[in-house]
Amino acid sequence: MSVYAVTNPATGEQLKTFPTITDEELDSAIALAYDTYQNWLRTSSVEERAKLVRRVGELHTERREELAEITTREMGKPLEQALGEVDFCVDIYSFYADNGPDLMKDEPIELLAGEGSAIIRRSPYGVILGIMPWNFPTYQVARFAGPNLVIGNAVLLKHAPQCPETAAALQQIYLDAGFPEGAYVNIYATNEQVATAIADPRVQGVSVTGSERAGAAVAEVAGRNLKKVVLELGGSDPFILLSTDDMDATVESAVAARLDNAGQSCNAAKRFVVIDELYQPFLEKFTAAMTASKTGDPTAGEADLGPLSSSTAAERLQDQLDRATKAGAKVVAGGERDGNYFSPMVLTDVTPDNDAYREELFGPVAVVYRVESEEEAVKLANDTPFGLGSYLFTTDPEQAERVANQIDAGMVYVNIVGADGAELPFGGVKRSGWGRELGKYGMDEFVNKKLIRVG
């Protein structure tokens, strides 16, 4: 029985299954990718590859509605949000098409002694395996595959088992854009087959976006086989509120930062750390705005939130909430469940001995904390095993600079949310992983920075 299946999370109906590849088919896929890397990708010009990546973006625009409808069907994202995700993909492909050739140019090095010259020449690694998640099924692929194909790496793409239709649609787009077979190869592989692929000497690196558990498993196999790995894992991002001159606007930002994608975003704000004098007015307005958000049919165009992505995701969140409340967390509002649907929920009184203090709550649940000072806010924000993103709201520019410098995270957004961009690096520290995607840094992970020294 295949593990790859489209199951509508809004209804629980299984719509279609896709067969897992055989071991022989996996070997053939790796061989095809390796052959295409050797005979086309590494010999073609960066300008030629960038032109094809631009066409990939154009085809995303042309097939925008189709891709969005697949996403809604597979993981329950409201249709308008799914359309916005496809649009972001177009931005990413356009960025690498526009900037890839310049980012791949030779970099001269000024010699401190001796005669001659020295340059860094960027060249491809080879075949790179990407392991992608379900929560942003088109965007995650774009930020991995776009830069790597401009570099000249071949891409093996193992998508989430609940997104096989997205996987097939994206491979078709790459073929229709003009990439030869083998440049981008979709594989419906098991976890055991993924380990085999990582160990294969024809595969030179692996990038995974997913859970801590998935990241640790991949990193273990990659380390054993001395393969480069990029990990973009979970997060429990703080939203720190120290001062505001517009509480309503701040609350609007806080709700947006928590509820995007039904709260199923690794870099969503999940812990709201509020200075004492603002705590009560923030909590009241925030709770009202959270509970006013509409949950409903993701295809109808009226819902702010759809269902969680699967029954597994819903059961996992329910277990976390049951343990949190049993350990003393106070439910201020929300949290009603209907199948895979959860109404937005606000928790307080989560103490360090509560599992919810350390865990990532992957759903529409916000935990609000009261702090007495800036120093306490920073300490609480950093008291987490994660370090992906963070949000800081203050009217004091000096305080913004000071606190941003102290936050242990890969990204700090000051007085703004939803400000990701194709040109901005994305990634974290601690158990949120390592490496960066997007922007110029996304072009530097799987590239050989070769020194050429001429005497």
Protein backbone atom coordinates (compact mmCIF):
# COMPACT_ATOMS: atom_id res chain seq x y z
CA MET A 1 0.00 0.00 0.00
CA SER A 2 1.37 3.39 -0.98
CA VAL A 3 2.22 5.97 1.70
CA TYR A 4 1.67 8.70 -0.91
CA ALA A 5 -1.96 9.72 -0.97
CA VAL A 6 -4.15 12.79 -1.37
CA THR A 7 -6.51 12.89 1.61
CA ASN A 8 -8.70 15.98 1.88
CA PRO A 9 -8.20 17.15 5.50
CA ALA A 10 -11.49 19.06 5.43
CA THR A 11 -13.50 15.88 4.83
CA GLY A 12 -11.13 13.00 5.59
CA GLU A 13 -11.82 11.55 2.13
CA GLN A 14 -8.91 9.83 0.40
CA LEU A 15 -9.02 11.04 -3.19
CA LYS A 16 -6.05 9.41 -4.88
CA THR A 17 -2.99 7.27 -4.16
CA PHE A 18 0.42 7.18 -5.80
CA PRO A 19 2.71 4.13 -5.81
CA THR A 20 6.00 4.28 -3.95
CA ILE A 21 8.96 3.73 -6.26
CA THR A 22 10.86 0.45 -6.25
CA ASP A 23 14.52 0.27 -5.31
CA GLU A 24 15.36 -0.27 -8.98
CA GLU A 25 13.39 2.85 -9.92
CA LEU A 26 15.23 4.85 -7.25
CA ASP A 27 18.59 3.74 -8.66
CA SER A 28 17.43 4.71 -12.15
CA ALA A 29 16.30 8.14 -10.90
CA ILE A 30 19.68 8.80 -9.29
CA ALA A 31 21.47 7.59 -12.43
CA LEU A 32 19.34 9.86 -14.62
CA ALA A 33 20.02 12.89 -12.40
CA TYR A 34 23.73 12.15 -12.29
CA ASP A 35 23.96 11.68 -16.05
CA THR A 36 22.08 14.94 -16.69
CA TYR A 37 24.36 16.76 -14.27
CA GLN A 38 27.48 15.40 -15.98
CA ASN A 39 26.34 15.91 -19.56
CA TRP A 40 24.13 19.01 -19.48
CA LEU A 41 23.89 20.95 -16.24
CA ARG A 42 27.60 21.39 -15.54
CA THR A 43 28.36 22.23 -19.17
CA SER A 44 25.46 24.61 -19.85
CA SER A 45 25.86 28.32 -19.09
CA VAL A 46 24.41 29.93 -16.00
CA GLU A 47 22.52 32.31 -18.30
CA GLU A 48 20.90 29.36 -20.09
CA ARG A 49 19.86 27.76 -16.80
CA ALA A 50 18.57 31.09 -15.44
CA LYS A 51 16.42 31.52 -18.55
CA LEU A 52 14.77 28.15 -17.93
CA VAL A 53 14.21 28.98 -14.25
CA ARG A 54 12.47 32.18 -15.36
CA ARG A 55 10.20 30.04 -17.52
CA VAL A 56 9.44 27.86 -14.48
CA GLY A 57 8.18 31.00 -12.75
CA GLU A 58 6.08 31.97 -15.75
CA LEU A 59 4.46 28.53 -15.79
CA HIS A 60 3.62 28.94 -12.09
CA THR A 61 1.71 32.07 -13.08
CA GLU A 62 -0.03 30.32 -15.95
CA ARG A 63 -1.01 27.36 -13.74
CA ARG A 64 -1.64 29.44 -10.63
CA GLU A 65 -5.20 28.30 -9.98
CA GLU A 66 -4.40 24.65 -10.65
CA LEU A 67 -1.46 24.62 -8.22
CA ALA A 68 -3.45 26.45 -5.53
CA GLU A 69 -6.39 24.07 -5.83
CA ILE A 70 -4.05 21.10 -5.42
CA THR A 71 -2.56 22.64 -2.26
CA THR A 72 -6.02 23.26 -0.79
CA ARG A 73 -7.07 19.72 -1.60
CA GLU A 74 -3.92 18.12 -0.17
CA MET A 75 -3.32 20.06 3.05
CA GLY A 76 -6.31 22.35 3.64
CA LYS A 77 -4.82 25.80 3.05
CA PRO A 78 -7.52 28.41 2.26
CA LEU A 79 -7.55 29.02 -1.48
CA GLU A 80 -6.58 32.70 -1.30
CA GLN A 81 -3.55 31.83 0.83
CA ALA A 82 -2.61 29.05 -1.58
CA LEU A 83 -2.74 31.50 -4.49
CA GLY A 84 -0.49 33.87 -2.55
CA GLU A 85 1.98 31.03 -2.00
CA VAL A 86 2.20 30.40 -5.73
CA ASP A 87 2.75 34.12 -6.32
CA PHE A 88 5.66 34.07 -3.85
CA CYS A 89 7.17 31.19 -5.84
CA VAL A 90 7.11 33.39 -8.94
CA ASP A 91 9.04 36.07 -7.03
CA ILE A 92 11.65 33.50 -6.00
CA TYR A 93 12.16 32.12 -9.51
CA SER A 94 12.34 35.67 -10.89
CA PHE A 95 14.93 36.66 -8.28
CA TYR A 96 17.25 33.79 -9.20
CA ALA A 97 16.68 34.27 -12.91
CA ASP A 98 17.55 37.97 -12.57
CA ASN A 99 20.44 37.67 -10.13
CA GLY A 100 21.81 34.16 -10.58
CA PRO A 101 24.39 35.00 -13.25
CA ASP A 102 25.85 37.84 -11.15
CA LEU A 103 25.85 35.72 -7.99
CA MET A 104 27.81 33.03 -9.84
CA LYS A 105 30.48 35.39 -11.18
CA ASP A 106 34.15 34.93 -10.30
CA GLU A 107 35.17 36.69 -7.10
CA PRO A 108 38.71 38.15 -7.17
CA ILE A 109 40.82 38.01 -4.01
CA GLU A 110 43.42 40.68 -3.31
CA LEU A 111 46.72 39.00 -2.51
CA LEU A 112 48.63 40.05 0.60
CA ALA A 113 51.91 38.74 -0.79
CA GLY A 114 53.29 37.15 -3.95
CA GLU A 115 52.67 37.72 -7.61
CA GLY A 116 49.85 36.65 -9.89
CA SER A 117 46.13 36.44 -9.12
CA ALA A 118 43.54 34.53 -7.15
CA ILE A 119 39.82 34.10 -7.70
CA ILE A 120 36.94 32.14 -6.25
CA ARG A 121 35.04 30.36 -9.01
CA ARG A 122 31.60 29.08 -8.10
CA SER A 123 30.72 25.73 -9.64
CA PRO A 124 28.00 23.14 -8.95
CA TYR A 125 28.21 20.29 -6.43
CA GLY A 126 26.35 17.64 -8.40
CA VAL A 127 23.12 15.83 -7.51
CA ILE A 128 21.32 17.32 -4.49
CA LEU A 129 18.43 15.64 -2.67
CA GLY A 130 15.63 17.86 -1.37
CA ILE A 131 13.19 16.57 1.26
CA MET A 132 10.20 18.90 1.37
CA PRO A 133 7.29 19.35 3.82
CA TRP A 134 3.54 19.66 3.39
CA ASN A 135 2.85 23.07 4.95
CA PHE A 136 4.06 25.20 2.00
CA PRO A 137 4.24 22.59 -0.75
CA THR A 138 5.08 24.89 -3.69
CA TYR A 139 7.08 27.61 -1.89
CA GLN A 140 9.45 25.20 -0.15
CA VAL A 141 10.30 23.55 -3.46
CA ALA A 142 10.89 26.92 -5.15
CA ARG A 143 13.42 28.11 -2.60
CA PHE A 144 15.33 24.81 -2.83
CA ALA A 145 15.15 23.93 -6.52
CA GLY A 146 15.32 27.42 -8.05
CA PRO A 147 18.82 28.39 -6.88
CA ASN A 148 20.24 24.89 -7.23
CA LEU A 149 19.26 24.60 -10.87
CA VAL A 150 20.69 28.04 -11.61
CA ILE A 151 23.92 26.86 -9.96
CA GLY A 152 23.89 23.75 -12.17
CA ASN A 153 23.06 21.08 -9.58
CA ALA A 154 20.64 18.31 -10.47
CA VAL A 155 17.66 18.02 -8.13
CA LEU A 156 16.12 14.89 -6.67
CA LEU A 157 12.87 15.93 -4.99
CA LYS A 158 11.24 13.81 -2.28
CA HIS A 159 8.02 15.56 -1.30
CA ALA A 160 5.78 14.96 1.73
CA PRO A 161 3.66 11.80 1.44
CA GLN A 162 0.47 13.87 1.57
CA CYS A 163 1.53 16.10 -1.35
CA PRO A 164 2.09 13.68 -4.24
CA GLU A 165 -0.13 15.63 -6.64
CA THR A 166 1.88 18.81 -6.02
CA ALA A 167 5.07 16.83 -6.58
CA ALA A 168 3.89 15.55 -9.95
CA ALA A 169 2.62 18.97 -11.06
CA LEU A 170 5.92 20.65 -10.21
CA GLN A 171 8.02 18.07 -12.06
CA GLN A 172 5.84 18.61 -15.12
CA ILE A 173 6.42 22.36 -14.89
CA TYR A 174 10.20 21.87 -14.96
CA LEU A 175 9.94 19.60 -17.98
CA ASP A 176 7.59 21.98 -19.77
CA ALA A 177 9.95 24.87 -19.02
CA GLY A 178 12.62 23.14 -21.11
CA PHE A 179 14.84 21.45 -18.54
CA PRO A 180 16.01 18.05 -19.78
CA GLU A 181 14.80 14.92 -18.02
CA GLY A 182 17.03 14.34 -15.02
CA ALA A 183 17.55 17.98 -14.09
CA TYR A 184 14.58 17.80 -11.71
CA VAL A 185 13.45 14.30 -10.73
CA ASN A 186 10.49 13.61 -8.46
CA ILE A 187 10.80 10.46 -6.35
CA TYR A 188 7.99 8.90 -4.29
CA ALA A 189 10.48 7.36 -1.89
CA THR A 190 10.19 5.77 1.55
CA ASN A 191 12.34 6.89 4.47
CA GLU A 192 14.53 3.83 3.98
CA GLN A 193 15.02 4.70 0.32
CA VAL A 194 15.89 8.27 1.28
CA ALA A 195 18.68 6.91 3.48
CA THR A 196 19.90 4.85 0.53
CA ALA A 197 19.89 7.92 -1.72
CA ILE A 198 21.85 10.00 0.79
CA ALA A 199 24.47 7.26 1.05
CA ASP A 200 24.79 6.96 -2.74
CA PRO A 201 28.14 8.42 -3.92
CA ARG A 202 26.38 10.08 -6.86
CA VAL A 203 24.42 12.28 -4.43
CA GLN A 204 26.52 15.13 -3.03
CA GLY A 205 24.21 16.88 -0.58
CA VAL A 206 20.79 16.97 1.03
CA SER A 207 18.44 19.75 2.12
CA VAL A 208 15.52 19.01 4.42
CA THR A 209 12.70 21.20 5.66
CA GLY A 210 10.67 19.50 8.36
CA SER A 211 10.49 18.44 11.98
CA GLU A 212 13.33 18.05 14.46
CA ARG A 213 12.91 14.29 14.23
CA ALA A 214 13.20 14.30 10.43
CA GLY A 215 16.16 16.68 10.52
CA ALA A 216 18.04 14.61 13.07
CA ALA A 217 17.47 11.39 11.11
CA VAL A 218 18.66 12.94 7.85
CA ALA A 219 21.66 14.64 9.48
CA GLU A 220 22.71 11.34 11.05
CA VAL A 221 22.75 9.54 7.71
CA ALA A 222 24.38 12.50 5.95
CA GLY A 223 27.09 12.77 8.62
CA ARG A 224 27.84 9.08 8.41
CA ASN A 225 28.34 9.47 4.67
CA LEU A 226 30.14 12.83 4.82
CA LYS A 227 27.48 14.70 2.84
CA LYS A 228 26.73 18.41 3.05
CA VAL A 229 23.33 19.03 4.68
CA VAL A 230 21.08 22.06 5.14
CA LEU A 231 18.39 21.82 7.81
CA GLU A 232 15.38 24.12 8.14
CA LEU A 233 13.44 22.73 11.07
CA GLY A 234 10.89 23.86 13.64
CA GLY A 235 10.53 27.09 15.54
CA SER A 236 8.77 28.61 18.53
CA ASP A 237 9.26 32.23 17.60
CA PRO A 238 8.74 34.94 20.21
CA PHE A 239 6.66 38.06 19.57
CA ILE A 240 8.06 40.59 22.02
CA LEU A 241 5.95 43.67 22.80
CA LEU A 242 7.76 46.35 24.79
CA SER A 243 5.95 49.50 23.67
CA THR A 244 3.45 50.62 21.05
CA ASP A 245 1.68 53.79 19.97
CA ASP A 246 -1.10 51.81 18.26
CA MET A 247 -2.29 48.75 20.16
CA ASP A 248 -4.93 47.84 17.57
CA ALA A 249 -2.33 47.72 14.78
CA THR A 250 0.05 45.73 16.98
CA VAL A 251 -2.65 43.20 17.79
CA GLU A 252 -3.51 42.92 14.09
CA SER A 253 0.14 42.10 13.39
CA ALA A 254 0.24 39.59 16.24
CA VAL A 255 -2.83 37.72 14.96
CA ALA A 256 -1.47 37.67 11.40
CA ALA A 257 1.86 36.36 12.67
CA ARG A 258 0.14 33.52 14.54
CA LEU A 259 -2.68 32.39 12.26
CA ASP A 260 -1.12 32.28 8.80
CA ASN A 261 -1.60 28.79 7.35
CA ALA A 262 -3.78 27.87 10.38
CA GLY A 263 -0.71 28.38 12.57
CA GLN A 264 1.19 25.64 10.72
CA SER A 265 4.27 27.65 9.90
CA CYS A 266 7.71 27.06 11.35
CA ASN A 267 8.43 30.80 11.58
CA ALA A 268 5.05 31.84 12.92
CA ALA A 269 4.95 33.83 16.16
CA LYS A 270 3.95 31.30 18.80
CA ARG A 271 5.01 32.85 22.16
CA PHE A 272 3.80 36.38 22.92
CA VAL A 273 6.04 38.08 25.46
CA VAL A 274 4.40 41.29 26.70
CA ILE A 275 5.72 43.97 29.07
CA ASP A 276 3.69 44.23 32.27
CA GLU A 277 1.99 47.59 31.65
CA LEU A 278 0.71 46.45 28.23
CA TYR A 279 -0.14 42.88 29.17
CA GLN A 280 -3.82 43.26 30.08
CA PRO A 281 -4.89 45.52 27.18
CA PHE A 282 -2.93 43.36 24.74
CA LEU A 283 -4.39 40.11 26.08
CA GLU A 284 -7.96 41.41 25.88
CA LYS A 285 -7.69 42.78 22.33
CA PHE A 286 -5.58 39.86 21.12
CA THR A 287 -8.01 37.27 22.48
CA ALA A 288 -10.95 39.08 20.89
CA ALA A 289 -9.19 39.27 17.51
CA MET A 290 -8.03 35.64 17.62
CA THR A 291 -11.47 34.28 18.41
CA ALA A 292 -13.07 36.50 15.75
CA SER A 293 -11.06 34.75 13.04
CA LYS A 294 -13.23 32.48 10.90
CA THR A 295 -12.56 28.77 10.56
CA GLY A 296 -14.23 26.97 7.68
CA ASP A 297 -14.20 25.38 4.24
CA PRO A 298 -10.83 26.27 2.65
CA THR A 299 -12.35 26.27 -0.82
CA ALA A 300 -15.14 28.74 0.00
CA GLY A 301 -13.05 31.93 0.01
CA GLU A 302 -14.45 33.24 3.30
CA ALA A 303 -12.46 31.36 5.95
CA ASP A 304 -9.34 32.78 7.61
CA LEU A 305 -8.32 29.27 8.67
CA GLY A 306 -8.88 25.88 7.15
CA PRO A 307 -8.44 22.54 8.92
CA LEU A 308 -5.11 21.29 10.17
CA SER A 309 -3.31 19.38 7.46
CA SER A 310 -4.28 15.87 8.57
CA SER A 311 -5.84 13.80 11.31
CA THR A 312 -2.32 13.01 12.51
CA ALA A 313 -1.55 16.71 12.90
CA ALA A 314 -4.85 17.29 14.71
CA GLU A 315 -4.26 14.41 17.14
CA ARG A 316 -0.74 15.62 17.85
CA LEU A 317 -1.93 19.13 18.68
CA GLN A 318 -4.80 17.79 20.80
CA ASP A 319 -2.33 15.72 22.83
CA GLN A 320 -0.13 18.78 23.38
CA LEU A 321 -3.10 20.87 24.52
CA ASP A 322 -4.36 18.16 26.87
CA ARG A 323 -0.95 17.89 28.51
CA ALA A 324 -0.56 21.67 28.68
CA THR A 325 -3.86 22.25 30.47
CA LYS A 326 -3.32 19.28 32.78
CA ALA A 327 -0.01 20.87 33.80
CA GLY A 328 -1.71 24.16 34.70
CA ALA A 329 -2.01 26.21 31.51
CA LYS A 330 -5.09 28.45 31.52
CA VAL A 331 -7.35 28.48 28.46
CA VAL A 332 -8.35 32.12 28.01
CA ALA A 333 -10.47 31.38 24.96
CA GLY A 334 -10.94 29.04 22.00
CA GLY A 335 -9.55 25.61 21.31
CA GLU A 336 -12.77 23.89 20.28
CA ARG A 337 -12.15 21.00 17.91
CA ASP A 338 -14.30 19.58 15.13
CA GLY A 339 -12.47 16.82 13.30
CA ASN A 340 -9.30 18.41 11.91
CA TYR A 341 -10.56 21.93 12.61
CA PHE A 342 -9.42 23.90 15.67
CA SER A 343 -10.75 27.30 16.63
CA PRO A 344 -7.98 29.82 17.51
CA MET A 345 -6.87 29.38 21.11
CA VAL A 346 -5.10 31.61 23.66
CA LEU A 347 -3.20 30.12 26.62
CA THR A 348 -1.63 31.81 29.64
CA ASP A 349 0.08 30.60 32.84
CA VAL A 350 2.43 28.28 30.96
CA THR A 351 5.35 27.72 33.33
CA PRO A 352 8.81 26.28 32.64
CA ASP A 353 7.78 22.91 34.06
CA ASN A 354 4.99 22.61 31.48
CA ASP A 355 5.82 20.71 28.27
CA ALA A 356 4.14 23.51 26.28
CA TYR A 357 6.86 25.89 27.46
CA ARG A 358 9.43 23.97 25.37
CA GLU A 359 7.38 22.43 22.59
CA GLU A 360 6.38 23.89 19.24
CA LEU A 361 2.58 24.14 19.00
CA PHE A 362 1.87 23.62 15.29
CA GLY A 363 -1.61 25.03 14.99
CA PRO A 364 -3.72 28.10 15.84
CA VAL A 365 -2.62 28.28 19.49
CA ALA A 366 -0.92 31.31 21.08
CA VAL A 367 0.77 31.36 24.48
CA VAL A 368 0.93 34.79 26.16
CA TYR A 369 3.52 35.64 28.83
CA ARG A 370 3.82 38.68 31.14
CA VAL A 371 7.30 40.10 31.86
CA GLU A 372 8.47 42.92 34.11
CA SER A 373 11.39 44.26 32.07
CA GLU A 374 13.28 44.25 28.80
CA GLU A 375 15.88 41.95 30.33
CA GLU A 376 13.22 39.45 31.40
CA ALA A 377 11.66 39.59 27.93
CA VAL A 378 14.96 38.72 26.26
CA LYS A 379 15.63 35.94 28.74
CA LEU A 380 12.21 34.36 28.17
CA ALA A 381 12.45 34.78 24.39
CA ASN A 382 15.77 32.94 24.36
CA ASP A 383 14.66 30.22 26.80
CA THR A 384 13.74 27.77 24.07
CA PRO A 385 15.51 24.98 22.21
CA PHE A 386 14.55 26.71 18.95
CA GLY A 387 16.08 29.72 17.22
CA LEU A 388 14.39 30.32 13.87
CA GLY A 389 12.72 33.74 13.74
CA SER A 390 11.49 36.41 16.15
CA TYR A 391 9.36 39.55 16.21
CA LEU A 392 10.03 42.68 18.24
CA PHE A 393 7.64 45.60 18.66
CA THR A 394 8.89 48.80 20.28
CA THR A 395 8.72 52.54 19.67
CA ASP A 396 12.31 53.04 20.89
CA PRO A 397 14.89 52.66 18.08
CA GLU A 398 17.78 52.22 20.52
CA GLN A 399 15.88 49.52 22.37
CA ALA A 400 15.09 47.81 19.05
CA GLU A 401 18.78 47.68 18.17
CA ARG A 402 19.77 46.52 21.64
CA VAL A 403 17.19 43.75 21.94
CA ALA A 404 17.60 42.53 18.35
CA ASN A 405 21.29 41.99 19.04
CA GLN A 406 20.49 39.82 22.06
CA ILE A 407 17.88 37.51 20.52
CA ASP A 408 19.20 34.03 19.71
CA ALA A 409 17.56 33.49 16.33
CA GLY A 410 18.37 33.41 12.65
CA MET A 411 15.92 36.24 11.87
CA VAL A 412 14.60 39.27 13.77
CA TYR A 413 11.71 41.35 12.40
CA VAL A 414 11.22 44.72 14.09
CA ASN A 415 7.75 46.31 14.01
CA ILE A 416 6.73 44.21 11.02
CA VAL A 417 5.32 40.76 10.23
CA GLY A 418 4.80 38.88 6.96
CA ALA A 419 7.89 40.56 5.53
CA ASP A 420 9.65 37.54 4.00
CA GLY A 421 11.14 38.19 0.59
CA ALA A 422 12.90 36.29 -2.15
CA GLU A 423 15.99 38.44 -1.54
CA LEU A 424 16.05 37.86 2.26
CA PRO A 425 17.91 34.89 3.80
CA PHE A 426 15.80 32.36 5.71
CA GLY A 427 17.13 30.01 8.39
CA GLY A 428 17.83 29.53 12.07
CA VAL A 429 20.14 28.40 14.85
CA LYS A 430 19.99 25.90 17.71
CA ARG A 431 17.42 23.13 17.07
CA SER A 432 15.87 25.12 14.26
CA GLY A 433 18.68 23.86 12.04
CA TRP A 434 21.52 25.40 10.09
CA GLY A 435 22.19 26.81 6.66
CA ARG A 436 20.25 29.47 4.77
CA GLU A 437 17.82 29.58 1.88
CA LEU A 438 16.68 32.47 -0.34
CA GLY A 439 18.62 35.57 -1.33
CA LYS A 440 22.27 35.42 -2.24
CA TYR A 441 22.94 33.10 0.70
CA GLY A 442 20.64 30.51 -0.87
CA MET A 443 23.13 30.37 -3.74
CA ASP A 444 26.03 29.62 -1.43
CA GLU A 445 25.00 26.37 0.27
CA PHE A 446 25.49 23.81 -2.49
CA VAL A 447 28.16 25.51 -4.54
CA ASN A 448 31.85 24.67 -4.76
CA LYS A 449 33.76 27.89 -4.03
CA LYS A 450 36.84 26.82 -5.89
CA LEU A 451 40.08 28.76 -5.39
CA ILE A 452 42.07 29.31 -8.58
CA ARG A 453 45.51 30.77 -7.77
CA VAL A 454 47.72 31.75 -10.67
CA GLY A 455 51.40 32.56 -10.18
